Amino acid sequence: MNHSPDMYWRLLVFSILVLFFFKSEGREVEVSDQAEISIMTLGPYQEELYSAFGHSAIHFSDPERNIDWVFNYGVFDFDQENFYWNFARGRMLYKLGLSRYTPFKNHYARENRYIIEQRLNLTLAEKQAMVDFLTNNYKPENRDYYYNYVYDNCATKMYDVLVAVFPKQITFNADYVEDGKTIRDLMDDYLGDQPWGDWIIDIGLGMQIDKEATPREYMFLPDYIEASLSTATLRRDSLEVPLIGETVNVYVPTPEQQQESKFFTPFNFFVLVFFVVGFITNRDFKKEKRTKWLDPVVFTLAGLIGWWLVFLWWGTEHLSKDNLNLLWAIPLHIPFAYLLGVRKLQPFLSKYFLVVSAGYLILLVIWSALPQPLHMALIPLILTMMLRGFYIHSDLQKQLRKANR
């Protein structure tokens, strides 16, 4: 979400007034009979990868107290210490933010994202308990949390808040669960318009997201929070009541023209690369002369991704462990692809690229049996590296035979 400097100042002034209001009361907020609390579900937005999964927040209104606020667990600060390093390591701090309702709602409406509010069916005392929890959570010493895109995000916080305020009182439904569906499958459902984002996520995340998703794990997506709450119940003494009193469609998006299918997808790009490299390799065979600049170009991407995956697996807290993409993204391609001209290393490099290419062939044969599904766009990339690897082996063997004559 991009904000103008004026909006930042307005948010700052609003936050100061809210903090002053909190401190001026005997308790943070004394709710009235007119108070309402809703769980907001805000639809996906495909212009940005981070917004493709939608958003969740909590709306608290109390006309008698002149309150109309949104508690938003999806806020982060670029100015936090070591922001980029923490982001890279999967240790980024998010925090609970507080916004005025109308500007918050209007922002999502301008992006033509549906806005659904599920008003909680709570007594005055229950509303007070929930507001007390949220206002306490908003205090500077309590508002920060370590974000995790599956287990601790804006949507899962909706579940966490309700369970914390009403322990062992809420029963959530699980009618939305599909047999055999994994966390990766759930992500893929939202990435049809984000082919390159889907490709990056599929490569970067390991087998931790390839287990069958539990009902609780579905709730990292706002739509499933909304689905679960729609039939959830709240126990009061011996009485079970619906948790949601009313569902309001605050904003219904206007129909948009269906986007044309994008040609520049990972699969199409790597098919094009395969044919270009195949053409050059065929010419090299005929001329019996290897195009030396091509091999570092072909193997650099896989090598860089390989070192990135090593970092993600062992150096971060992302869900990137046990990642079978290392079967093709081999870190040793860098530096080996750049050392093909070093004569002393050519016997070793000839064997290296032969073994790697044979490994790629085996990988393609067992592709569908792998416990981690690899992105289909990788097939033409692997074919490209396999073709070039076999050619490198053949060319280096010729050079070695000539040198030994």
Protein backbone atom coordinates (compact mmCIF):
# COMPACT_ATOMS: atom_id res chain seq x y z
CA MET A 1 0.00 0.00 0.00
CA ASN A 2 1.50 3.36 -1.05
CA HIS A 3 0.79 6.39 1.10
CA SER A 4 1.41 10.06 0.34
CA PRO A 5 3.35 12.20 2.88
CA ASP A 6 0.05 13.92 3.79
CA MET A 7 -1.51 10.57 4.61
CA TYR A 8 1.44 9.67 6.83
CA TRP A 9 0.96 12.93 8.76
CA ARG A 10 -2.77 12.27 9.13
CA LEU A 11 -2.09 8.75 10.39
CA LEU A 12 0.49 10.11 12.84
CA VAL A 13 -1.89 12.73 14.20
CA PHE A 14 -4.68 10.14 14.41
CA SER A 15 -2.42 7.75 16.34
CA ILE A 16 -1.41 10.47 18.80
CA LEU A 17 -5.06 11.38 19.40
CA VAL A 18 -5.95 7.73 19.91
CA LEU A 19 -3.12 7.23 22.40
CA PHE A 20 -4.21 10.37 24.24
CA PHE A 21 -7.77 9.06 24.30
CA PHE A 22 -6.59 5.71 25.69
CA LYS A 23 -4.62 7.32 28.48
CA SER A 24 -7.34 9.80 29.39
CA GLU A 25 -9.83 7.07 30.24
CA GLY A 26 -9.99 4.93 33.38
CA ARG A 27 -9.95 1.97 31.04
CA GLU A 28 -8.83 2.23 27.42
CA VAL A 29 -12.33 2.32 25.89
CA GLU A 30 -15.69 1.97 27.60
CA VAL A 31 -17.99 0.51 24.93
CA SER A 32 -21.63 1.54 24.73
CA ASP A 33 -24.75 -0.38 23.74
CA GLN A 34 -24.30 0.93 20.19
CA ALA A 35 -20.86 -0.67 19.77
CA GLU A 36 -20.31 -3.16 16.93
CA ILE A 37 -17.30 -5.34 16.15
CA SER A 38 -16.83 -6.91 12.72
CA ILE A 39 -14.27 -9.12 11.03
CA MET A 40 -13.43 -7.54 7.68
CA THR A 41 -12.45 -9.62 4.64
CA LEU A 42 -10.95 -7.61 1.80
CA GLY A 43 -10.60 -9.27 -1.58
CA PRO A 44 -7.41 -10.08 -3.49
CA TYR A 45 -5.70 -7.48 -5.65
CA GLN A 46 -3.61 -8.80 -8.52
CA GLU A 47 -1.54 -5.70 -9.25
CA GLU A 48 0.90 -6.64 -6.46
CA LEU A 49 2.08 -10.08 -5.38
CA TYR A 50 1.76 -9.34 -1.66
CA SER A 51 -1.91 -8.37 -2.07
CA ALA A 52 -2.91 -11.35 -4.23
CA PHE A 53 -4.20 -13.32 -1.24
CA GLY A 54 -6.50 -10.65 0.21
CA HIS A 55 -6.50 -9.09 3.65
CA SER A 56 -8.27 -9.29 7.03
CA ALA A 57 -8.88 -6.67 9.72
CA ILE A 58 -11.18 -5.86 12.65
CA HIS A 59 -13.68 -3.00 12.51
CA PHE A 60 -14.78 -1.45 15.80
CA SER A 61 -17.46 1.21 15.72
CA ASP A 62 -19.27 2.95 18.55
CA PRO A 63 -21.31 5.98 17.42
CA GLU A 64 -22.03 7.05 21.00
CA ARG A 65 -18.28 7.29 21.66
CA ASN A 66 -17.56 8.75 18.20
CA ILE A 67 -15.34 5.76 17.41
CA ASP A 68 -14.92 4.20 13.96
CA TRP A 69 -11.61 2.34 13.90
CA VAL A 70 -9.92 -0.52 12.09
CA PHE A 71 -7.43 -2.71 13.93
CA ASN A 72 -5.05 -3.87 11.22
CA TYR A 73 -2.40 -6.55 11.86
CA GLY A 74 -0.90 -6.09 8.40
CA VAL A 75 1.36 -3.08 9.06
CA PHE A 76 5.14 -2.96 8.78
CA ASP A 77 7.69 -0.17 8.95
CA PHE A 78 10.47 0.25 6.37
CA ASP A 79 12.38 2.28 8.95
CA GLN A 80 12.64 -0.54 11.48
CA GLU A 81 16.22 -1.49 12.32
CA ASN A 82 17.79 -3.97 9.85
CA PHE A 83 14.55 -4.08 7.87
CA TYR A 84 15.92 -5.68 4.68
CA TRP A 85 18.15 -8.15 6.52
CA ASN A 86 15.25 -9.19 8.75
CA PHE A 87 13.04 -9.54 5.68
CA ALA A 88 15.62 -11.75 3.97
CA ARG A 89 15.94 -13.96 7.07
CA GLY A 90 12.18 -14.30 7.58
CA ARG A 91 12.32 -12.36 10.84
CA MET A 92 10.40 -9.27 9.79
CA LEU A 93 8.41 -7.44 12.42
CA TYR A 94 4.81 -6.64 11.61
CA LYS A 95 2.60 -4.78 14.02
CA LEU A 96 -0.97 -3.98 14.90
CA GLY A 97 -1.94 -0.68 13.33
CA LEU A 98 -4.96 1.52 13.94
CA SER A 99 -6.73 3.39 11.15
CA ARG A 100 -9.86 5.44 10.66
CA TYR A 101 -12.49 3.25 9.07
CA THR A 102 -13.63 5.41 6.13
CA PRO A 103 -10.17 6.02 4.55
CA PHE A 104 -9.26 2.38 5.15
CA LYS A 105 -12.44 1.13 3.45
CA ASN A 106 -12.16 3.63 0.59
CA HIS A 107 -8.62 2.53 -0.21
CA TYR A 108 -9.74 -1.04 -0.88
CA ALA A 109 -12.87 0.10 -2.73
CA ARG A 110 -10.71 2.20 -5.08
CA GLU A 111 -8.78 -0.97 -5.91
CA ASN A 112 -12.15 -2.62 -6.67
CA ARG A 113 -11.69 -5.27 -3.98
CA TYR A 114 -14.73 -6.75 -2.31
CA ILE A 115 -15.27 -5.77 1.31
CA ILE A 116 -17.25 -8.13 3.54
CA GLU A 117 -17.96 -7.45 7.20
CA GLN A 118 -19.09 -10.20 9.54
CA ARG A 119 -20.58 -8.57 12.63
CA LEU A 120 -19.87 -10.56 15.74
CA ASN A 121 -22.86 -11.67 17.78
CA LEU A 122 -21.55 -10.52 21.16
CA THR A 123 -23.01 -9.25 24.39
CA LEU A 124 -21.92 -5.88 25.75
CA ALA A 125 -19.54 -7.59 28.19
CA GLU A 126 -18.06 -9.72 25.37
CA LYS A 127 -17.57 -6.65 23.19
CA GLN A 128 -15.83 -4.95 26.09
CA ALA A 129 -13.54 -7.93 26.57
CA MET A 130 -12.57 -7.93 22.91
CA VAL A 131 -11.95 -4.18 22.78
CA ASP A 132 -9.88 -4.41 25.97
CA PHE A 133 -7.76 -7.11 24.34
CA LEU A 134 -7.26 -5.11 21.14
CA THR A 135 -6.44 -1.82 22.82
CA ASN A 136 -3.98 -3.58 25.12
CA ASN A 137 -2.47 -5.29 22.08
CA TYR A 138 -2.11 -1.88 20.42
CA LYS A 139 0.18 -0.55 23.14
CA PRO A 140 3.73 0.01 21.80
CA GLU A 141 5.18 -2.74 23.96
CA ASN A 142 2.63 -5.30 22.69
CA ARG A 143 1.85 -4.46 19.08
CA ASP A 144 4.85 -6.04 17.28
CA TYR A 145 4.95 -9.65 16.12
CA TYR A 146 7.13 -11.75 13.82
CA TYR A 147 5.30 -12.23 10.56
CA ASN A 148 4.98 -15.64 8.90
CA TYR A 149 3.01 -15.80 5.66
CA VAL A 150 1.30 -19.08 6.63
CA TYR A 151 1.25 -19.30 10.41
CA ASP A 152 1.18 -15.70 11.66
CA ASN A 153 -0.31 -13.07 9.39
CA CYS A 154 -3.24 -10.66 9.17
CA ALA A 155 -5.73 -13.49 8.64
CA THR A 156 -4.48 -15.91 11.29
CA LYS A 157 -4.57 -13.04 13.79
CA MET A 158 -8.36 -12.99 13.44
CA TYR A 159 -8.46 -16.55 14.73
CA ASP A 160 -5.84 -15.84 17.39
CA VAL A 161 -7.71 -12.82 18.78
CA LEU A 162 -11.05 -14.63 18.97
CA VAL A 163 -9.52 -17.69 20.65
CA ALA A 164 -7.58 -15.52 23.10
CA VAL A 165 -10.65 -13.50 24.10
CA PHE A 166 -13.05 -16.47 24.15
CA PRO A 167 -10.92 -19.50 25.07
CA LYS A 168 -12.60 -22.87 24.43
CA GLN A 169 -15.89 -21.10 23.66
CA ILE A 170 -15.77 -20.94 19.86
CA THR A 171 -16.34 -23.89 17.54
CA PHE A 172 -15.08 -23.29 13.99
CA ASN A 173 -16.47 -25.18 11.03
CA ALA A 174 -14.25 -26.95 8.51
CA ASP A 175 -16.66 -27.44 5.62
CA TYR A 176 -14.24 -25.76 3.24
CA VAL A 177 -11.48 -28.38 3.64
CA GLU A 178 -10.71 -30.43 0.51
CA ASP A 179 -9.11 -33.84 0.84
CA GLY A 180 -5.46 -33.87 -0.15
CA LYS A 181 -5.12 -30.12 -0.69
CA THR A 182 -1.75 -28.77 0.41
CA ILE A 183 -0.69 -25.31 1.50
CA ARG A 184 1.06 -24.92 -1.86
CA ASP A 185 -2.19 -25.79 -3.63
CA LEU A 186 -4.00 -23.12 -1.61
CA MET A 187 -1.41 -20.53 -2.63
CA ASP A 188 -1.65 -21.57 -6.27
CA ASP A 189 -5.40 -20.90 -6.24
CA TYR A 190 -4.66 -17.18 -5.86
CA LEU A 191 -1.72 -16.87 -8.25
CA GLY A 192 -3.33 -17.50 -11.62
CA ASP A 193 -2.71 -13.86 -12.60
CA GLN A 194 0.79 -13.85 -11.10
CA PRO A 195 2.76 -16.40 -13.20
CA TRP A 196 6.18 -15.10 -12.21
CA GLY A 197 5.18 -14.70 -8.57
CA ASP A 198 3.88 -18.27 -8.59
CA TRP A 199 7.18 -19.43 -10.13
CA ILE A 200 9.27 -17.68 -7.48
CA ILE A 201 7.12 -18.97 -4.61
CA ASP A 202 7.19 -22.52 -5.95
CA ILE A 203 10.98 -22.40 -6.16
CA GLY A 204 11.65 -20.63 -2.86
CA LEU A 205 9.39 -22.69 -0.58
CA GLY A 206 10.20 -26.29 0.28
CA MET A 207 8.31 -29.40 1.30
CA GLN A 208 7.09 -27.73 4.50
CA ILE A 209 4.14 -26.47 2.46
CA ASP A 210 3.51 -29.76 0.66
CA LYS A 211 1.74 -31.55 3.47
CA GLU A 212 -2.03 -31.72 3.48
CA ALA A 213 -3.39 -28.51 4.99
CA THR A 214 -5.28 -28.76 8.26
CA PRO A 215 -8.45 -26.68 8.81
CA ARG A 216 -6.37 -24.31 10.94
CA GLU A 217 -3.74 -23.92 8.20
CA TYR A 218 -6.39 -22.92 5.66
CA MET A 219 -6.90 -19.83 7.80
CA PHE A 220 -3.77 -18.10 6.54
CA LEU A 221 -6.05 -16.98 3.71
CA PRO A 222 -8.70 -14.33 4.52
CA ASP A 223 -11.37 -16.06 2.43
CA TYR A 224 -11.14 -19.15 4.63
CA ILE A 225 -11.33 -17.09 7.81
CA GLU A 226 -14.57 -15.68 6.42
CA ALA A 227 -15.83 -19.15 5.43
CA SER A 228 -15.00 -20.61 8.84
CA LEU A 229 -16.62 -17.78 10.78
CA SER A 230 -19.80 -17.93 8.73
CA THR A 231 -20.97 -21.08 10.58
CA ALA A 232 -18.87 -20.80 13.76
CA THR A 233 -20.66 -20.90 17.10
CA LEU A 234 -20.01 -19.29 20.48
CA ARG A 235 -20.87 -21.07 23.72
CA ARG A 236 -22.41 -19.01 26.51
CA ASP A 237 -22.87 -21.16 29.57
CA SER A 238 -24.86 -24.10 28.15
CA LEU A 239 -26.15 -22.18 25.12
CA GLU A 240 -24.59 -22.31 21.62
CA VAL A 241 -25.21 -19.21 19.51
CA PRO A 242 -23.97 -18.23 16.02
CA LEU A 243 -20.73 -16.27 16.27
CA ILE A 244 -21.76 -14.05 13.36
CA GLY A 245 -24.89 -12.00 13.80
CA GLU A 246 -24.96 -10.41 10.36
CA THR A 247 -22.87 -10.42 7.19
CA VAL A 248 -22.73 -7.15 5.24
CA ASN A 249 -21.35 -6.70 1.72
CA VAL A 250 -19.86 -3.26 2.27
CA TYR A 251 -18.44 -3.02 -1.23
CA VAL A 252 -19.27 -5.23 -4.22
CA PRO A 253 -16.63 -4.88 -6.93
CA THR A 254 -17.68 -3.75 -10.38
CA PRO A 255 -17.15 -6.30 -13.16
CA GLU A 256 -13.83 -5.89 -14.91
CA GLN A 257 -12.78 -6.95 -18.36
CA GLN A 258 -11.08 -10.31 -18.27
CA GLN A 259 -7.35 -9.86 -18.65
CA GLU A 260 -5.79 -11.30 -21.77
CA SER A 261 -3.60 -14.29 -21.12
CA LYS A 262 -0.06 -13.15 -20.61
CA PHE A 263 2.45 -14.38 -23.16
CA PHE A 264 5.51 -13.57 -21.08
CA THR A 265 5.10 -16.44 -18.64
CA PRO A 266 7.95 -18.49 -17.16
CA PHE A 267 7.03 -21.50 -19.30
CA ASN A 268 6.96 -19.54 -22.55
CA PHE A 269 10.17 -17.72 -21.67
CA PHE A 270 12.11 -20.90 -20.96
CA VAL A 271 10.72 -22.63 -24.07
CA LEU A 272 12.10 -19.70 -26.07
CA VAL A 273 15.44 -20.02 -24.26
CA PHE A 274 15.51 -23.76 -25.06
CA PHE A 275 15.06 -23.16 -28.80
CA VAL A 276 17.64 -20.35 -28.89
CA VAL A 277 20.22 -22.45 -27.02
CA GLY A 278 19.30 -25.48 -29.14
CA PHE A 279 19.90 -23.49 -32.31
CA ILE A 280 23.31 -22.27 -31.10
CA THR A 281 24.29 -25.76 -29.90
CA ASN A 282 23.35 -27.28 -33.26
CA ARG A 283 25.51 -24.67 -34.99
CA ASP A 284 28.37 -25.45 -32.58
CA PHE A 285 28.13 -29.16 -33.45
CA LYS A 286 28.37 -28.40 -37.15
CA LYS A 287 31.27 -25.97 -36.77
CA GLU A 288 32.93 -28.12 -34.08
CA LYS A 289 33.51 -24.97 -32.07
CA ARG A 290 31.84 -24.19 -28.74
CA THR A 291 30.24 -20.76 -28.22
CA LYS A 292 32.07 -20.06 -24.97
CA TRP A 293 30.02 -17.11 -23.75
CA LEU A 294 26.82 -19.15 -23.83
CA ASP A 295 27.60 -21.65 -21.08
CA PRO A 296 28.03 -19.14 -18.23
CA VAL A 297 24.77 -17.53 -19.37
CA VAL A 298 22.89 -20.86 -19.38
CA PHE A 299 24.11 -22.05 -15.99
CA THR A 300 24.30 -18.75 -14.07
CA LEU A 301 20.56 -18.56 -13.31
CA ALA A 302 20.46 -22.09 -11.87
CA GLY A 303 23.64 -21.45 -9.90
CA LEU A 304 22.39 -18.20 -8.40
CA ILE A 305 19.05 -19.75 -7.50
CA GLY A 306 20.92 -22.68 -5.96
CA TRP A 307 22.96 -20.44 -3.65
CA TRP A 308 19.77 -18.53 -2.80
CA LEU A 309 18.03 -21.78 -1.84
CA VAL A 310 20.99 -22.81 0.32
CA PHE A 311 20.68 -19.49 2.15
CA LEU A 312 16.91 -19.87 2.52
CA TRP A 313 17.25 -23.43 3.85
CA TRP A 314 20.04 -22.96 6.36
CA GLY A 315 20.14 -19.22 7.02
CA THR A 316 16.51 -18.16 7.39
CA GLU A 317 13.22 -18.98 9.05
CA HIS A 318 11.25 -19.05 5.81
CA LEU A 319 9.33 -22.22 4.94
CA SER A 320 12.18 -23.19 2.62
CA LYS A 321 13.73 -26.29 4.17
CA ASP A 322 13.81 -29.68 2.39
CA ASN A 323 13.63 -27.97 -0.98
CA LEU A 324 13.94 -30.37 -3.92
CA ASN A 325 14.57 -27.49 -6.32
CA LEU A 326 18.21 -27.99 -5.38
CA LEU A 327 18.09 -31.06 -7.65
CA TRP A 328 18.25 -28.69 -10.64
CA ALA A 329 19.39 -25.38 -9.11
CA ILE A 330 22.90 -26.65 -8.36
CA PRO A 331 25.01 -24.02 -6.58
CA LEU A 332 28.28 -25.40 -8.00
CA HIS A 333 27.27 -24.24 -11.49
CA ILE A 334 28.83 -21.06 -10.14
CA PRO A 335 31.83 -21.09 -10.41
CA PHE A 336 32.25 -24.22 -12.58
CA ALA A 337 30.50 -22.75 -15.64
CA TYR A 338 33.07 -19.93 -15.57
CA LEU A 339 36.10 -22.24 -15.38
CA LEU A 340 35.65 -24.20 -18.61
CA GLY A 341 38.65 -22.48 -20.16
CA VAL A 342 41.04 -23.60 -17.39
CA ARG A 343 42.87 -26.51 -19.02
CA LYS A 344 43.87 -28.24 -15.77
CA LEU A 345 40.22 -28.42 -14.68
CA GLN A 346 38.80 -29.64 -17.99
CA PRO A 347 39.00 -33.40 -17.20
CA PHE A 348 37.05 -32.81 -13.99
CA LEU A 349 34.59 -30.36 -15.58
CA SER A 350 33.89 -32.78 -18.42
CA LYS A 351 32.85 -35.42 -15.89
CA TYR A 352 30.96 -32.85 -13.80
CA PHE A 353 28.72 -31.74 -16.65
CA LEU A 354 28.19 -35.34 -17.79
CA VAL A 355 27.02 -36.36 -14.32
CA VAL A 356 24.87 -33.23 -13.97
CA SER A 357 23.20 -33.78 -17.34
CA ALA A 358 22.55 -37.45 -16.57
CA GLY A 359 21.07 -36.33 -13.26
CA TYR A 360 18.80 -33.89 -15.09
CA LEU A 361 17.60 -36.72 -17.35
CA ILE A 362 16.79 -38.87 -14.32
CA LEU A 363 15.01 -35.92 -12.68
CA LEU A 364 12.73 -35.53 -15.71
CA VAL A 365 11.95 -39.26 -15.71
CA ILE A 366 10.90 -39.28 -12.01
CA TRP A 367 9.31 -35.80 -12.16
CA SER A 368 5.76 -36.83 -11.34
CA ALA A 369 6.86 -39.09 -8.47
CA LEU A 370 8.65 -36.39 -6.49
CA PRO A 371 7.18 -35.59 -3.05
CA GLN A 372 7.52 -31.88 -3.84
CA PRO A 373 5.82 -30.70 -7.04
CA LEU A 374 8.25 -28.69 -9.14
CA HIS A 375 6.98 -25.90 -11.36
CA MET A 376 6.24 -27.05 -14.92
CA ALA A 377 8.10 -24.06 -16.37
CA LEU A 378 11.31 -25.65 -15.11
CA ILE A 379 11.07 -28.50 -17.63
CA PRO A 380 12.30 -26.46 -20.64
CA LEU A 381 14.99 -24.85 -18.45
CA ILE A 382 16.24 -28.26 -17.31
CA LEU A 383 16.16 -29.54 -20.89
CA THR A 384 18.24 -26.53 -21.91
CA MET A 385 20.89 -27.19 -19.25
CA MET A 386 20.87 -30.92 -19.99
CA LEU A 387 21.42 -30.33 -23.71
CA ARG A 388 24.20 -27.86 -23.09
CA GLY A 389 25.78 -30.02 -20.38
CA PHE A 390 26.06 -33.04 -22.67
CA TYR A 391 27.56 -30.81 -25.34
CA ILE A 392 30.11 -29.33 -22.91
CA HIS A 393 31.18 -32.87 -21.96
CA SER A 394 31.51 -33.85 -25.62
CA ASP A 395 33.44 -30.70 -26.55
CA LEU A 396 35.86 -30.95 -23.60
CA GLN A 397 36.54 -34.60 -24.43
CA LYS A 398 37.48 -33.60 -27.97
CA GLN A 399 39.80 -30.91 -26.65
CA LEU A 400 41.45 -33.38 -24.26
CA ARG A 401 41.97 -35.95 -27.00
CA LYS A 402 43.59 -33.32 -29.23
CA ALA A 403 45.83 -32.20 -26.39
CA ASN A 404 46.99 -35.79 -25.75
CA ARG A 405 47.98 -36.53 -29.33
